[in-house]
Amino acid sequence: MSLKQKALLFNFLGFAVIFLLFRFGLSYLLAIKPVYISVISAVLAMVIAPKFAVASIEGVPKLLMKWIFLKGFKEL
């Protein structure tokens, strides 16, 4: 599996897990329409989910992660 495919998979998994947590958590706490809960969950997941990307550092492709809770980039 190439690094770009891994980055895409990690981006999807990170978003999906956080989206589902917000989706079921908000539906348990709030009594609003499910459409609004899904939209709010999607927006929150887009902001909070870690971002993965492939960058070429000194000619070597590396998988990097950026997250709002971590300072800078983390190499995987």
N, C-alpha and C. Protein backbone atom coordinates (compact mmCIF):
# COMPACT_ATOMS: atom_id res chain seq x y z
N MET A 1 0.85 -1.17 0.00
CA MET A 1 0.00 0.00 0.00
C MET A 1 0.90 1.24 0.00
N SER A 2 0.63 2.17 -0.89
CA SER A 2 1.47 3.36 -0.99
C SER A 2 1.15 4.34 0.14
N LEU A 3 2.01 5.31 0.34
CA LEU A 3 1.83 6.28 1.40
C LEU A 3 0.59 7.15 1.17
N LYS A 4 0.29 7.46 -0.08
CA LYS A 4 -0.90 8.27 -0.37
C LYS A 4 -2.17 7.51 -0.01
N GLN A 5 -2.18 6.21 -0.27
CA GLN A 5 -3.34 5.40 0.08
C GLN A 5 -3.49 5.29 1.60
N LYS A 6 -2.36 5.17 2.31
CA LYS A 6 -2.40 5.12 3.76
C LYS A 6 -2.92 6.44 4.33
N ALA A 7 -2.47 7.55 3.77
CA ALA A 7 -2.94 8.86 4.23
C ALA A 7 -4.44 9.00 4.02
N LEU A 8 -4.93 8.58 2.87
CA LEU A 8 -6.36 8.64 2.59
C LEU A 8 -7.15 7.75 3.56
N LEU A 9 -6.66 6.56 3.81
CA LEU A 9 -7.32 5.64 4.73
C LEU A 9 -7.33 6.20 6.15
N PHE A 10 -6.21 6.74 6.61
CA PHE A 10 -6.14 7.31 7.95
C PHE A 10 -7.04 8.53 8.09
N ASN A 11 -7.10 9.38 7.04
CA ASN A 11 -8.00 10.53 7.07
C ASN A 11 -9.45 10.07 7.20
N PHE A 12 -9.83 9.05 6.44
CA PHE A 12 -11.20 8.54 6.51
C PHE A 12 -11.51 7.94 7.88
N LEU A 13 -10.61 7.11 8.39
CA LEU A 13 -10.85 6.47 9.68
C LEU A 13 -10.93 7.49 10.81
N GLY A 14 -10.04 8.48 10.79
CA GLY A 14 -10.07 9.51 11.82
C GLY A 14 -11.37 10.29 11.79
N PHE A 15 -11.81 10.68 10.59
CA PHE A 15 -13.07 11.41 10.46
C PHE A 15 -14.24 10.54 10.88
N ALA A 16 -14.27 9.29 10.43
CA ALA A 16 -15.41 8.41 10.71
C ALA A 16 -15.58 8.15 12.20
N VAL A 17 -14.50 7.88 12.88
CA VAL A 17 -14.58 7.60 14.32
C VAL A 17 -15.09 8.81 15.08
N ILE A 18 -14.53 9.97 14.79
CA ILE A 18 -14.94 11.18 15.50
C ILE A 18 -16.36 11.56 15.13
N PHE A 19 -16.73 11.40 13.86
CA PHE A 19 -18.10 11.69 13.44
C PHE A 19 -19.10 10.82 14.18
N LEU A 20 -18.83 9.52 14.26
CA LEU A 20 -19.76 8.61 14.94
C LEU A 20 -19.86 8.91 16.43
N LEU A 21 -18.75 9.26 17.05
CA LEU A 21 -18.80 9.63 18.47
C LEU A 21 -19.69 10.85 18.68
N PHE A 22 -19.50 11.87 17.85
CA PHE A 22 -20.33 13.07 17.97
C PHE A 22 -21.78 12.78 17.60
N ARG A 23 -21.99 11.97 16.58
CA ARG A 23 -23.34 11.68 16.10
C ARG A 23 -24.18 11.02 17.18
N PHE A 24 -23.64 9.99 17.81
CA PHE A 24 -24.40 9.29 18.84
C PHE A 24 -24.40 10.05 20.16
N GLY A 25 -23.30 10.74 20.46
CA GLY A 25 -23.25 11.54 21.68
C GLY A 25 -24.23 12.69 21.67
N LEU A 26 -24.29 13.41 20.55
CA LEU A 26 -25.22 14.54 20.45
C LEU A 26 -26.66 14.07 20.40
N SER A 27 -26.93 12.96 19.74
CA SER A 27 -28.30 12.47 19.69
C SER A 27 -28.77 12.00 21.07
N TYR A 28 -27.83 11.56 21.90
CA TYR A 28 -28.18 11.17 23.26
C TYR A 28 -28.45 12.40 24.13
N LEU A 29 -27.69 13.47 23.90
CA LEU A 29 -27.80 14.66 24.74
C LEU A 29 -28.85 15.66 24.28
N LEU A 30 -29.03 15.81 22.96
CA LEU A 30 -29.91 16.83 22.43
C LEU A 30 -31.16 16.22 21.80
N ALA A 31 -32.23 16.95 21.88
CA ALA A 31 -33.48 16.49 21.27
C ALA A 31 -33.81 17.35 20.06
N ILE A 32 -32.95 17.29 19.04
CA ILE A 32 -33.21 18.01 17.80
C ILE A 32 -33.28 17.01 16.66
N LYS A 33 -33.65 17.50 15.49
CA LYS A 33 -33.82 16.62 14.33
C LYS A 33 -32.50 15.93 13.96
N PRO A 34 -32.58 14.68 13.53
CA PRO A 34 -31.36 13.92 13.18
C PRO A 34 -30.54 14.56 12.06
N VAL A 35 -31.18 15.29 11.15
CA VAL A 35 -30.43 15.94 10.07
C VAL A 35 -29.49 16.98 10.64
N TYR A 36 -29.97 17.77 11.59
CA TYR A 36 -29.14 18.80 12.20
C TYR A 36 -28.02 18.20 13.03
N ILE A 37 -28.30 17.10 13.70
CA ILE A 37 -27.27 16.42 14.48
C ILE A 37 -26.17 15.91 13.55
N SER A 38 -26.55 15.38 12.39
CA SER A 38 -25.56 14.89 11.43
C SER A 38 -24.70 16.02 10.89
N VAL A 39 -25.31 17.15 10.58
CA VAL A 39 -24.56 18.29 10.05
C VAL A 39 -23.60 18.83 11.11
N ILE A 40 -24.07 18.99 12.32
CA ILE A 40 -23.21 19.48 13.40
C ILE A 40 -22.07 18.50 13.65
N SER A 41 -22.35 17.22 13.64
CA SER A 41 -21.32 16.20 13.85
C SER A 41 -20.28 16.23 12.74
N ALA A 42 -20.72 16.42 11.50
CA ALA A 42 -19.79 16.46 10.38
C ALA A 42 -18.87 17.68 10.48
N VAL A 43 -19.41 18.82 10.83
CA VAL A 43 -18.59 20.03 10.95
C VAL A 43 -17.58 19.87 12.08
N LEU A 44 -18.03 19.38 13.22
CA LEU A 44 -17.12 19.18 14.35
C LEU A 44 -16.04 18.15 14.03
N ALA A 45 -16.41 17.09 13.33
CA ALA A 45 -15.42 16.06 12.97
C ALA A 45 -14.40 16.61 11.98
N MET A 46 -14.83 17.46 11.05
CA MET A 46 -13.88 18.06 10.10
C MET A 46 -12.86 18.92 10.81
N VAL A 47 -13.29 19.62 11.84
CA VAL A 47 -12.38 20.50 12.57
C VAL A 47 -11.46 19.71 13.49
N ILE A 48 -11.98 18.71 14.17
CA ILE A 48 -11.23 18.02 15.22
C ILE A 48 -10.39 16.85 14.70
N ALA A 49 -10.79 16.22 13.61
CA ALA A 49 -10.08 15.03 13.12
C ALA A 49 -8.64 15.37 12.71
N PRO A 50 -7.71 14.45 12.96
CA PRO A 50 -6.32 14.68 12.52
C PRO A 50 -6.23 14.61 11.00
N LYS A 51 -5.29 15.37 10.44
CA LYS A 51 -5.08 15.41 8.99
C LYS A 51 -3.77 14.69 8.68
N PHE A 52 -3.82 13.80 7.71
CA PHE A 52 -2.64 13.04 7.28
C PHE A 52 -2.28 13.44 5.86
N ALA A 53 -0.98 13.52 5.58
CA ALA A 53 -0.53 13.88 4.24
C ALA A 53 0.85 13.28 3.99
N VAL A 54 1.20 13.17 2.73
CA VAL A 54 2.51 12.70 2.32
C VAL A 54 3.32 13.90 1.88
N ALA A 55 4.51 14.04 2.45
CA ALA A 55 5.40 15.14 2.10
C ALA A 55 6.77 14.58 1.76
N SER A 56 7.42 15.21 0.81
CA SER A 56 8.76 14.80 0.42
C SER A 56 9.77 15.64 1.19
N ILE A 57 10.46 15.00 2.13
CA ILE A 57 11.45 15.68 2.96
C ILE A 57 12.82 15.16 2.58
N GLU A 58 13.64 16.06 2.03
CA GLU A 58 14.98 15.72 1.54
C GLU A 58 14.93 14.59 0.52
N GLY A 59 13.90 14.61 -0.32
CA GLY A 59 13.77 13.63 -1.39
C GLY A 59 13.15 12.31 -0.96
N VAL A 60 12.81 12.16 0.31
CA VAL A 60 12.22 10.92 0.81
C VAL A 60 10.76 11.20 1.19
N PRO A 61 9.82 10.48 0.58
CA PRO A 61 8.41 10.70 0.95
C PRO A 61 8.13 10.15 2.35
N LYS A 62 7.43 10.98 3.15
CA LYS A 62 7.12 10.59 4.53
C LYS A 62 5.65 10.91 4.81
N LEU A 63 5.06 10.10 5.68
CA LEU A 63 3.68 10.29 6.09
C LEU A 63 3.67 11.18 7.34
N LEU A 64 2.98 12.32 7.25
CA LEU A 64 2.93 13.28 8.34
C LEU A 64 1.50 13.46 8.83
N MET A 65 1.38 13.81 10.11
CA MET A 65 0.07 14.05 10.71
C MET A 65 0.07 15.42 11.37
N LYS A 66 -1.02 16.16 11.18
CA LYS A 66 -1.21 17.43 11.87
C LYS A 66 -2.55 17.34 12.59
N TRP A 67 -2.53 17.77 13.85
CA TRP A 67 -3.73 17.73 14.66
C TRP A 67 -3.79 18.99 15.49
N ILE A 68 -4.99 19.49 15.76
CA ILE A 68 -5.11 20.75 16.48
C ILE A 68 -4.65 20.62 17.93
N PHE A 69 -4.58 19.41 18.46
CA PHE A 69 -4.15 19.21 19.83
C PHE A 69 -2.64 18.99 19.96
N LEU A 70 -1.95 18.86 18.84
CA LEU A 70 -0.50 18.70 18.83
C LEU A 70 0.14 19.89 18.12
N LYS A 71 1.28 20.31 18.63
CA LYS A 71 1.98 21.42 18.02
C LYS A 71 2.90 20.91 16.91
N GLY A 72 2.77 21.48 15.72
CA GLY A 72 3.61 21.08 14.61
C GLY A 72 3.11 19.81 13.94
N PHE A 73 4.04 19.18 13.20
CA PHE A 73 3.72 17.96 12.46
C PHE A 73 4.38 16.77 13.15
N LYS A 74 3.73 15.62 13.09
CA LYS A 74 4.29 14.39 13.64
C LYS A 74 4.49 13.41 12.50
N GLU A 75 5.68 12.84 12.44
CA GLU A 75 5.99 11.86 11.39
C GLU A 75 5.56 10.48 11.86
N LEU A 76 4.91 9.76 10.96
CA LEU A 76 4.46 8.40 11.28
C LEU A 76 5.34 7.37 10.62
